[in-house]
């Protein structure tokens, strides 16, 4: 099954509230967003947004919001909820090169689905090309030693050293922590949250 078909099937057939990555409480992610000065005016790119309610929060701002997903089904659901001229629905596989200029790049539980090294390098190259100087990137991925699969797909686990190796010396770590996320099934998974700044 092709990647897009896999994700379209998930968003077309499964209730959002039972998906393993579903966030009912956004306080952990919002805690990091609140650290960003003038967030309301920033241009934000959200990688693999799915049908997350965080999209509604970000879309209510003045700045432009680019909502990306490989699943057209997911984006169509968002289009029914969100009406804002400053929102772009970007149907694209993030493992393929692209450029969308932004001040903030947000990736919660998406990057870790990229397993192939070339796909990962393409992702980080797109991030570097898209993010403006002094821009910020927020990662929230499965950390080392936690689940190896999600949505019936293998995962790559991350730590700070690995983030930094892909980002390069132009990025400075501002803050990070390990966070225990409770899934709708009540099982728990450990995420690593990391906020970086692009200095060059």
Protein backbone atom coordinates (compact mmCIF):
# COMPACT_ATOMS: atom_id res chain seq x y z
CA UNK A 1 0.00 0.00 0.00
CA UNK A 2 1.31 3.46 -0.92
CA UNK A 3 1.94 5.94 1.89
CA UNK A 4 -0.85 8.31 0.89
CA UNK A 5 -3.33 5.45 0.54
CA UNK A 6 -2.35 4.16 3.99
CA UNK A 7 -3.01 7.52 5.67
CA UNK A 8 -6.12 8.32 3.62
CA UNK A 9 -7.58 5.01 4.77
CA UNK A 10 -6.88 5.86 8.42
CA UNK A 11 -8.51 9.29 8.30
CA UNK A 12 -11.41 8.02 6.19
CA UNK A 13 -12.31 5.00 8.33
CA UNK A 14 -11.25 5.70 11.92
CA UNK A 15 -12.65 8.06 14.51
CA UNK A 16 -10.13 10.77 15.38
CA UNK A 17 -10.54 10.26 19.13
CA UNK A 18 -9.21 6.67 19.02
CA UNK A 19 -6.07 7.38 17.00
CA UNK A 20 -2.94 6.67 19.02
CA UNK A 21 -1.52 10.19 18.61
CA UNK A 22 -4.80 12.01 19.36
CA UNK A 23 -4.30 14.92 21.77
CA UNK A 24 -7.32 15.91 23.83
CA UNK A 25 -5.15 18.10 26.03
CA UNK A 26 -2.86 20.47 24.11
CA UNK A 27 -1.23 22.02 27.16
CA UNK A 28 2.18 20.40 26.58
CA UNK A 29 2.46 21.65 23.01
CA UNK A 30 0.93 25.01 23.90
CA UNK A 31 3.48 25.44 26.69
CA UNK A 32 6.20 25.57 24.07
CA UNK A 33 4.23 27.74 21.67
CA UNK A 34 3.69 30.28 24.43
CA UNK A 35 7.46 30.70 24.68
CA UNK A 36 7.54 32.13 21.15
CA UNK A 37 7.38 35.93 21.07
CA UNK A 38 4.76 37.49 18.80
CA UNK A 39 3.43 34.07 17.81
CA UNK A 40 0.24 35.65 16.52
CA UNK A 41 2.13 37.35 13.69
CA UNK A 42 4.48 34.50 12.76
CA UNK A 43 4.24 32.42 9.61
CA UNK A 44 3.91 28.82 10.79
CA UNK A 45 4.39 25.52 8.99
CA UNK A 46 2.79 22.44 10.56
CA UNK A 47 4.20 19.16 9.31
CA UNK A 48 1.80 16.22 8.99
CA UNK A 49 -1.00 18.00 10.80
CA UNK A 50 -3.60 15.26 10.25
CA UNK A 51 -6.89 16.44 11.76
CA UNK A 52 -5.35 17.85 14.93
CA UNK A 53 -7.29 20.55 16.77
CA UNK A 54 -4.02 22.47 17.12
CA UNK A 55 -4.68 23.51 13.51
CA UNK A 56 -7.80 25.43 14.60
CA UNK A 57 -5.83 27.25 17.29
CA UNK A 58 -3.02 28.27 14.95
CA UNK A 59 -5.40 29.23 12.15
CA UNK A 60 -7.08 31.83 14.37
CA UNK A 61 -3.91 33.97 14.38
CA UNK A 62 -2.99 36.89 12.10
CA UNK A 63 0.07 35.21 10.61
CA UNK A 64 -0.03 32.68 7.79
CA UNK A 65 -0.46 29.01 8.68
CA UNK A 66 0.55 26.24 6.29
CA UNK A 67 -1.13 22.96 7.22
CA UNK A 68 0.66 20.05 5.60
CA UNK A 69 -0.29 16.41 5.27
CA UNK A 70 0.28 13.50 2.93
CA UNK A 71 -3.41 12.60 3.34
CA UNK A 72 -5.89 14.54 1.25
CA UNK A 73 -8.64 13.01 3.39
CA UNK A 74 -7.18 14.68 6.49
CA UNK A 75 -6.86 18.05 4.77
CA UNK A 76 -10.43 17.84 3.47
CA UNK A 77 -11.65 17.33 7.05
CA UNK A 78 -9.70 20.40 8.15
CA UNK A 79 -11.09 22.46 5.27
CA UNK A 80 -14.60 21.78 6.57
CA UNK A 81 -13.61 23.13 10.01
CA UNK A 82 -11.29 26.00 9.15
CA UNK A 83 -12.15 29.04 7.08
CA UNK A 84 -9.33 31.56 7.09
CA UNK A 85 -7.71 33.27 4.12
CA UNK A 86 -4.36 33.09 5.90
CA UNK A 87 -4.40 29.27 5.91
CA UNK A 88 -2.84 27.16 3.16
CA UNK A 89 -3.66 23.46 2.92
CA UNK A 90 -0.50 21.88 1.54
CA UNK A 91 -0.91 18.32 0.25
CA UNK A 92 2.63 16.97 0.10
CA UNK A 93 4.83 14.06 1.19
CA UNK A 94 7.38 15.64 3.54
CA UNK A 95 9.99 13.07 2.55
CA UNK A 96 10.13 14.84 -0.84
CA UNK A 97 11.95 18.20 -1.22
CA UNK A 98 9.96 21.44 -0.98
CA UNK A 99 10.26 25.01 0.31
CA UNK A 100 7.65 26.96 2.29
CA UNK A 101 9.12 30.03 3.96
CA UNK A 102 8.18 30.24 7.63
CA UNK A 103 9.18 31.61 11.03
CA UNK A 104 8.11 28.53 13.00
CA UNK A 105 8.15 24.85 12.02
CA UNK A 106 6.09 22.46 14.15
CA UNK A 107 6.36 18.68 13.98
CA UNK A 108 4.50 16.58 16.51
CA UNK A 109 4.72 12.83 15.90
CA UNK A 110 5.44 12.99 12.17
CA UNK A 111 9.19 12.98 11.58
CA UNK A 112 9.55 9.66 13.40
CA UNK A 113 7.57 7.93 10.62
CA UNK A 114 10.43 8.59 8.19
CA UNK A 115 12.72 5.55 8.24
CA UNK A 116 14.73 5.78 5.03
CA UNK A 117 17.88 7.89 5.48
CA UNK A 118 17.38 9.73 2.19
CA UNK A 119 13.82 10.65 3.21
CA UNK A 120 15.07 11.98 6.55
CA UNK A 121 17.79 14.05 4.88
CA UNK A 122 15.24 15.46 2.42
CA UNK A 123 13.00 16.41 5.34
CA UNK A 124 15.74 18.29 7.17
CA UNK A 125 16.95 19.99 3.99
CA UNK A 126 13.40 21.24 3.35
CA UNK A 127 13.21 22.45 6.95
CA UNK A 128 16.49 24.36 6.64
CA UNK A 129 15.48 25.88 3.31
CA UNK A 130 12.05 26.91 4.58
CA UNK A 131 12.89 28.31 8.01
CA UNK A 132 13.96 31.95 8.07
CA UNK A 133 16.92 33.23 10.10
CA UNK A 134 16.06 33.34 13.82
CA UNK A 135 13.20 30.95 13.07
CA UNK A 136 12.17 28.24 15.53
CA UNK A 137 11.49 24.54 15.14
CA UNK A 138 9.52 22.50 17.66
CA UNK A 139 9.88 18.73 17.61
CA UNK A 140 7.82 16.24 19.60
CA UNK A 141 8.80 12.69 18.64
CA UNK A 142 9.00 9.26 20.25
CA UNK A 143 12.18 9.14 22.28
CA UNK A 144 14.75 6.36 22.45
CA UNK A 145 13.49 3.20 24.14
CA UNK A 146 9.78 3.77 23.57
CA UNK A 147 7.39 2.31 20.96
CA UNK A 148 8.84 0.99 17.72
CA UNK A 149 5.59 1.06 15.74
CA UNK A 150 2.54 3.29 15.34
CA UNK A 151 -0.36 3.07 12.88
CA UNK A 152 1.11 -0.30 11.84
CA UNK A 153 4.25 1.45 10.61
CA UNK A 154 7.83 1.26 11.94
CA UNK A 155 9.21 4.30 13.75
CA UNK A 156 12.59 5.96 14.18
CA UNK A 157 13.23 7.10 17.74
CA UNK A 158 15.05 10.35 18.51
CA UNK A 159 17.19 12.02 21.13
CA UNK A 160 18.77 15.48 21.29
CA UNK A 161 22.05 14.33 19.80
CA UNK A 162 20.28 12.95 16.74
CA UNK A 163 18.17 16.09 16.24
CA UNK A 164 21.32 18.20 16.39
CA UNK A 165 23.23 15.99 13.98
CA UNK A 166 20.54 16.42 11.32
CA UNK A 167 19.97 20.13 11.98
CA UNK A 168 23.64 21.08 12.01
CA UNK A 169 25.59 23.80 13.76
CA UNK A 170 23.29 26.61 12.60
CA UNK A 171 20.63 25.49 15.08
CA UNK A 172 20.79 26.08 18.83
CA UNK A 173 18.78 24.10 21.37
CA UNK A 174 16.69 26.44 23.53
CA UNK A 175 14.75 23.97 25.66
CA UNK A 176 13.83 20.30 25.83
CA UNK A 177 12.19 17.70 28.04
CA UNK A 178 10.84 14.17 28.06
CA UNK A 179 7.06 14.02 28.29
CA UNK A 180 4.87 11.02 29.09
CA UNK A 181 1.92 11.10 26.70
CA UNK A 182 -1.26 9.18 27.54
CA UNK A 183 -2.87 7.69 24.46
CA UNK A 184 -6.65 7.27 24.01
CA UNK A 185 -6.08 3.59 24.88
CA UNK A 186 -4.62 4.83 28.22
CA UNK A 187 -1.25 3.34 27.32
CA UNK A 188 1.63 5.77 27.70
CA UNK A 189 4.45 6.75 25.36
CA UNK A 190 7.48 8.92 26.02
CA UNK A 191 7.95 11.89 23.72
CA UNK A 192 10.98 14.13 23.51
CA UNK A 193 10.06 17.80 23.10
CA UNK A 194 12.80 20.05 21.74
CA UNK A 195 12.75 23.72 20.69
CA UNK A 196 15.56 24.93 18.41
CA UNK A 197 16.51 28.32 16.96
CA UNK A 198 18.07 28.83 13.54
CA UNK A 199 20.91 31.29 14.10
CA UNK A 200 22.44 31.50 10.60
